[in-house]
Amino acid sequence: MTQQSHQSPAAPDKGEALGRTVLSVARHRSLGHLTLSSTTLAGIVLLPVLFNVVEWQLRIPLSTAWTAIFGFWLKRLEIAGVVSERLTSMAWFDMPLPHVEVVASLPDGVTWLVAAALTILVCLVALRLSDKYLPLRYLLLFAVFIQVTALIFFGVVPERFPYTASGYVDNGLKTAVSFLLLLPWAHALVYYIFDFSWSRKIGLTMMTLTFVVVAVPLQLMLHVYVMCRWSLLCLPLLSFLLGPSMILFGCIALYGWAMSWQSLGRGARACERSA
């Protein structure tokens, strides 16, 4: 006589269930048919042009405002330096931009040793993080990698470091200007194509442009303070991990928020269901 074994069903894997749900939603959304009317196509082309024209007309007030911000924080943070405006050559045009003249020194022995100790500490913390915090672990290990390369360079040939704090700010401002000009075109390709109202499309671009205009000088001024306070040893980490990528993440967050707004199609369907 055979004896049947009764086994209780295995508990469902929450991660696998979540993965199936995400794939299901992705497949569901991919079934939607995207249609672009002539008005939408015209807006996709004309609105970025209009934004670029307005940005070009406001280039002098923008430079003046950024110069005032740098000057204010140089004085408040008691950083020895001078800020002025000068004509800066971009890819195919020139425009006035602030120039911050500050001096950040090379790291001395004590600064190098403290940075090395902190880097080792962060590495140990990252390696002890559980898999629950895997993205944070990778981020910390990436920061450790950058700082280790900086420590090696400044420990061997510090006098060959080719960058300065002033040059870092100049490059950051030029990157920001290029980003401001490209941002409306990016929104045209990834947001204007959807059936949101034009007021929301324009509102997203204006909010994102305002965020970049305000965040860039404050971020760069914070970086200047860090470099002047703790030497150029901090520059690689600030540039690769805490520089333009942070501004980009902020813009992506605003875009994600805007994608959650009610579109015209969803609004119409909601009205039909309530009727």
Protein backbone atom coordinates (compact mmCIF):
# COMPACT_ATOMS: atom_id res chain seq x y z
CA MET A 1 0.00 0.00 0.00
CA THR A 2 1.43 3.33 -1.03
CA GLN A 3 1.30 6.23 1.26
CA GLN A 4 0.54 9.59 -0.28
CA SER A 5 2.53 12.48 1.08
CA HIS A 6 0.71 15.69 1.68
CA GLN A 7 2.94 18.70 1.16
CA SER A 8 1.79 22.19 1.91
CA PRO A 9 2.17 24.56 -1.02
CA ALA A 10 5.27 26.73 -0.91
CA ALA A 11 4.75 30.30 0.15
CA PRO A 12 4.69 32.61 -2.86
CA ASP A 13 7.82 34.62 -3.44
CA LYS A 14 6.92 38.28 -2.93
CA GLY A 15 9.72 39.44 -5.18
CA GLU A 16 8.60 37.16 -8.00
CA ALA A 17 4.98 38.25 -7.57
CA LEU A 18 6.04 41.91 -7.73
CA GLY A 19 8.06 41.23 -10.86
CA ARG A 20 5.07 39.60 -12.56
CA THR A 21 2.89 42.55 -11.60
CA VAL A 22 5.36 45.07 -13.02
CA LEU A 23 5.67 43.11 -16.27
CA SER A 24 1.88 42.86 -16.49
CA VAL A 25 1.50 46.62 -16.09
CA ALA A 26 4.26 47.23 -18.64
CA ARG A 27 2.57 44.93 -21.18
CA HIS A 28 -0.78 46.56 -20.49
CA ARG A 29 0.57 50.05 -21.11
CA SER A 30 2.43 48.96 -24.21
CA LEU A 31 -0.91 47.98 -25.78
CA GLY A 32 -2.01 51.60 -25.81
CA HIS A 33 -1.97 53.24 -29.23
CA LEU A 34 -0.21 56.61 -29.29
CA THR A 35 -1.70 59.02 -31.79
CA LEU A 36 -0.28 62.47 -32.44
CA SER A 37 -2.57 65.12 -33.84
CA SER A 38 -1.33 67.93 -36.04
CA THR A 39 -1.68 70.31 -33.08
CA THR A 40 0.46 68.05 -30.92
CA LEU A 41 3.11 67.72 -33.63
CA ALA A 42 3.20 71.50 -34.06
CA GLY A 43 3.53 71.99 -30.30
CA ILE A 44 6.34 69.43 -30.08
CA VAL A 45 8.35 71.50 -32.54
CA LEU A 46 7.29 75.07 -31.73
CA LEU A 47 7.20 75.03 -27.92
CA PRO A 48 10.90 74.09 -27.49
CA VAL A 49 11.81 76.79 -30.00
CA LEU A 50 9.76 79.31 -28.02
CA PHE A 51 11.42 78.24 -24.76
CA ASN A 52 14.87 78.58 -26.34
CA VAL A 53 14.05 82.06 -27.63
CA VAL A 54 12.88 83.16 -24.18
CA GLU A 55 15.98 81.63 -22.58
CA TRP A 56 18.20 83.52 -25.00
CA GLN A 57 16.42 86.79 -24.26
CA LEU A 58 16.89 86.20 -20.51
CA ARG A 59 20.57 85.25 -20.72
CA ILE A 60 21.82 88.58 -19.31
CA PRO A 61 19.38 88.68 -16.34
CA LEU A 62 20.22 85.03 -15.66
CA SER A 63 23.94 85.76 -15.55
CA THR A 64 23.35 88.76 -13.30
CA ALA A 65 21.23 86.71 -10.90
CA TRP A 66 23.79 83.89 -10.74
CA THR A 67 26.58 86.41 -10.14
CA ALA A 68 24.62 87.94 -7.26
CA ILE A 69 24.05 84.49 -5.72
CA PHE A 70 27.75 83.62 -5.90
CA GLY A 71 28.73 86.98 -4.47
CA PHE A 72 26.25 86.67 -1.60
CA TRP A 73 27.45 83.21 -0.55
CA LEU A 74 31.13 84.02 -0.95
CA LYS A 75 30.63 86.75 1.61
CA ARG A 76 28.36 84.71 3.91
CA LEU A 77 30.63 81.68 3.94
CA GLU A 78 33.72 83.88 4.34
CA ILE A 79 35.47 82.40 1.32
CA ALA A 80 38.34 84.44 -0.07
CA GLY A 81 37.42 85.02 -3.68
CA VAL A 82 36.03 87.35 -6.31
CA VAL A 83 33.06 86.87 -8.62
CA SER A 84 32.68 88.72 -11.91
CA GLU A 85 30.84 88.40 -15.20
CA ARG A 86 32.62 87.61 -18.42
CA LEU A 87 31.76 86.52 -21.94
CA THR A 88 32.07 82.74 -22.11
CA SER A 89 32.47 80.78 -25.32
CA MET A 90 29.95 77.96 -25.68
CA ALA A 91 29.73 75.42 -28.52
CA TRP A 92 28.46 77.81 -31.19
CA PHE A 93 27.75 81.06 -29.36
CA ASP A 94 29.05 83.33 -26.60
CA MET A 95 27.09 84.41 -23.56
CA PRO A 96 27.84 86.19 -20.29
CA LEU A 97 28.35 83.93 -17.28
CA PRO A 98 29.71 84.43 -13.76
CA HIS A 99 33.35 83.62 -13.09
CA VAL A 100 34.22 82.71 -9.52
CA GLU A 101 37.89 83.22 -8.74
CA VAL A 102 38.73 81.12 -5.68
CA VAL A 103 41.69 79.02 -4.64
CA ALA A 104 41.29 75.50 -3.28
CA SER A 105 44.54 73.99 -2.05
CA LEU A 106 45.97 70.53 -2.58
CA PRO A 107 45.40 68.12 0.33
CA ASP A 108 48.02 68.00 3.06
CA GLY A 109 49.04 64.82 4.85
CA VAL A 110 46.43 65.08 7.59
CA THR A 111 43.59 65.70 5.13
CA TRP A 112 44.73 62.74 3.02
CA LEU A 113 44.84 60.40 6.03
CA VAL A 114 41.43 61.51 7.32
CA ALA A 115 39.91 61.03 3.85
CA ALA A 116 41.49 57.58 3.59
CA ALA A 117 40.13 56.57 6.99
CA LEU A 118 36.63 57.79 6.10
CA THR A 119 36.80 55.96 2.77
CA ILE A 120 37.71 52.70 4.50
CA LEU A 121 34.89 53.24 7.01
CA VAL A 122 32.32 53.83 4.27
CA CYS A 123 33.57 50.73 2.42
CA LEU A 124 33.15 48.58 5.52
CA VAL A 125 29.67 49.96 6.15
CA ALA A 126 28.68 49.30 2.53
CA LEU A 127 29.92 45.71 2.64
CA ARG A 128 27.96 45.04 5.82
CA LEU A 129 24.67 46.29 4.41
CA SER A 130 22.07 43.59 3.86
CA ASP A 131 20.70 42.75 0.43
CA LYS A 132 17.64 44.78 1.36
CA TYR A 133 19.78 47.88 0.79
CA LEU A 134 21.56 46.62 -2.31
CA PRO A 135 21.15 49.84 -4.36
CA LEU A 136 22.59 51.89 -1.49
CA ARG A 137 25.47 49.42 -1.19
CA TYR A 138 26.34 49.82 -4.87
CA LEU A 139 26.11 53.60 -4.62
CA LEU A 140 28.46 53.69 -1.62
CA LEU A 141 30.91 51.32 -3.27
CA PHE A 142 30.91 53.50 -6.39
CA ALA A 143 31.70 56.52 -4.19
CA VAL A 144 34.47 54.51 -2.52
CA PHE A 145 35.94 53.63 -5.92
CA ILE A 146 36.01 57.27 -6.98
CA GLN A 147 37.58 58.40 -3.72
CA VAL A 148 40.20 55.62 -3.80
CA THR A 149 41.34 56.73 -7.25
CA ALA A 150 41.52 60.32 -5.97
CA LEU A 151 43.53 59.24 -2.93
CA ILE A 152 45.98 57.32 -5.12
CA PHE A 153 46.42 60.25 -7.49
CA PHE A 154 46.91 62.87 -4.77
CA GLY A 155 49.16 60.49 -2.86
CA VAL A 156 51.49 59.98 -5.84
CA VAL A 157 51.45 63.04 -8.13
CA PRO A 158 49.27 65.75 -6.53
CA GLU A 159 51.03 68.56 -8.41
CA ARG A 160 49.78 67.11 -11.71
CA PHE A 161 46.10 67.53 -10.88
CA PRO A 162 44.84 69.56 -13.86
CA TYR A 163 41.67 71.08 -12.37
CA THR A 164 40.92 74.07 -10.17
CA ALA A 165 37.88 75.13 -8.19
CA SER A 166 37.32 78.10 -10.52
CA GLY A 167 37.54 75.91 -13.61
CA TYR A 168 35.15 73.45 -12.01
CA VAL A 169 32.55 76.20 -11.54
CA ASP A 170 33.05 77.47 -15.10
CA ASN A 171 32.48 74.00 -16.55
CA GLY A 172 29.47 73.47 -14.29
CA LEU A 173 27.84 76.68 -15.48
CA LYS A 174 28.47 75.88 -19.14
CA THR A 175 26.98 72.43 -18.62
CA ALA A 176 23.95 73.99 -16.93
CA VAL A 177 23.36 76.41 -19.80
CA SER A 178 23.54 73.59 -22.35
CA PHE A 179 21.14 71.56 -20.23
CA LEU A 180 18.69 74.48 -20.01
CA LEU A 181 18.63 74.73 -23.80
CA LEU A 182 18.17 70.98 -24.34
CA LEU A 183 15.58 70.45 -21.60
CA PRO A 184 12.52 71.73 -23.57
CA TRP A 185 13.43 69.41 -26.45
CA ALA A 186 13.72 66.47 -24.07
CA HIS A 187 10.27 67.22 -22.67
CA ALA A 188 8.92 67.49 -26.21
CA LEU A 189 10.07 63.96 -26.93
CA VAL A 190 9.10 62.26 -23.66
CA TYR A 191 6.17 64.30 -22.30
CA TYR A 192 4.51 66.47 -24.94
CA ILE A 193 3.63 63.32 -26.91
CA PHE A 194 1.17 62.24 -24.23
CA ASP A 195 -2.40 63.51 -23.89
CA PHE A 196 -1.86 65.96 -21.06
CA SER A 197 -3.21 69.48 -21.35
CA TRP A 198 -0.84 72.02 -22.83
CA SER A 199 -0.94 74.05 -19.64
CA ARG A 200 0.49 71.04 -17.78
CA LYS A 201 3.10 70.42 -20.44
CA ILE A 202 4.24 74.04 -20.30
CA GLY A 203 4.01 73.99 -16.51
CA LEU A 204 6.31 70.96 -16.22
CA THR A 205 8.96 72.58 -18.42
CA MET A 206 8.75 75.88 -16.55
CA MET A 207 9.00 74.15 -13.16
CA THR A 208 11.98 72.08 -14.29
CA LEU A 209 13.77 75.08 -15.79
CA THR A 210 13.18 77.04 -12.57
CA PHE A 211 14.54 74.15 -10.53
CA VAL A 212 17.74 74.02 -12.61
CA VAL A 213 18.21 77.81 -12.53
CA VAL A 214 17.92 77.90 -8.74
CA ALA A 215 19.69 74.63 -7.90
CA VAL A 216 22.81 74.98 -10.06
CA PRO A 217 24.42 78.06 -8.43
CA LEU A 218 23.56 76.81 -4.93
CA GLN A 219 25.02 73.39 -5.66
CA LEU A 220 28.18 74.84 -7.19
CA MET A 221 28.60 77.23 -4.27
CA LEU A 222 28.32 74.32 -1.83
CA HIS A 223 30.97 72.46 -3.82
CA VAL A 224 33.24 75.51 -3.73
CA TYR A 225 32.87 75.66 0.05
CA VAL A 226 33.70 71.95 0.39
CA MET A 227 36.78 72.25 -1.84
CA CYS A 228 38.04 75.39 -0.12
CA ARG A 229 37.45 73.82 3.29
CA TRP A 230 38.77 70.29 2.61
CA SER A 231 40.96 70.72 -0.49
CA LEU A 232 40.74 69.54 -4.09
CA LEU A 233 40.70 65.94 -2.90
CA CYS A 234 36.91 66.27 -2.81
CA LEU A 235 36.57 67.45 -6.42
CA PRO A 236 36.35 64.04 -8.18
CA LEU A 237 33.63 62.79 -5.83
CA LEU A 238 31.69 66.04 -6.14
CA SER A 239 31.95 65.98 -9.91
CA PHE A 240 31.13 62.33 -10.64
CA LEU A 241 28.57 61.57 -7.95
CA LEU A 242 27.19 64.82 -6.51
CA GLY A 243 27.39 67.12 -9.52
CA PRO A 244 25.23 67.23 -12.67
CA SER A 245 23.81 63.79 -11.87
CA MET A 246 21.99 65.23 -8.84
CA ILE A 247 20.42 67.95 -11.00
CA LEU A 248 19.41 65.31 -13.54
CA PHE A 249 17.84 63.14 -10.82
CA GLY A 250 15.82 66.15 -9.65
CA CYS A 251 14.54 66.72 -13.18
CA ILE A 252 13.62 63.04 -13.51
CA ALA A 253 11.73 63.25 -10.21
CA LEU A 254 9.71 66.21 -11.50
CA TYR A 255 9.02 64.30 -14.72
CA GLY A 256 7.84 61.26 -12.76
CA TRP A 257 5.53 63.46 -10.70
CA ALA A 258 4.14 65.04 -13.86
CA MET A 259 3.45 61.62 -15.37
CA SER A 260 1.13 60.93 -12.42
CA TRP A 261 -1.06 63.91 -13.30
CA GLN A 262 -4.44 63.15 -14.79
CA SER A 263 -4.29 63.18 -18.57
CA LEU A 264 -7.14 64.33 -20.80
CA GLY A 265 -8.01 60.75 -21.72
CA ARG A 266 -8.08 59.54 -18.12
CA GLY A 267 -10.15 62.58 -17.15
CA ALA A 268 -12.70 61.89 -19.88
CA ARG A 269 -13.00 58.23 -18.90
CA ALA A 270 -13.47 59.19 -15.26
CA CYS A 271 -16.29 61.56 -16.21
CA GLU A 272 -17.96 58.83 -18.27
CA ARG A 273 -17.84 56.37 -15.37
CA SER A 274 -19.29 58.93 -12.94
CA ALA A 275 -22.08 59.93 -15.33
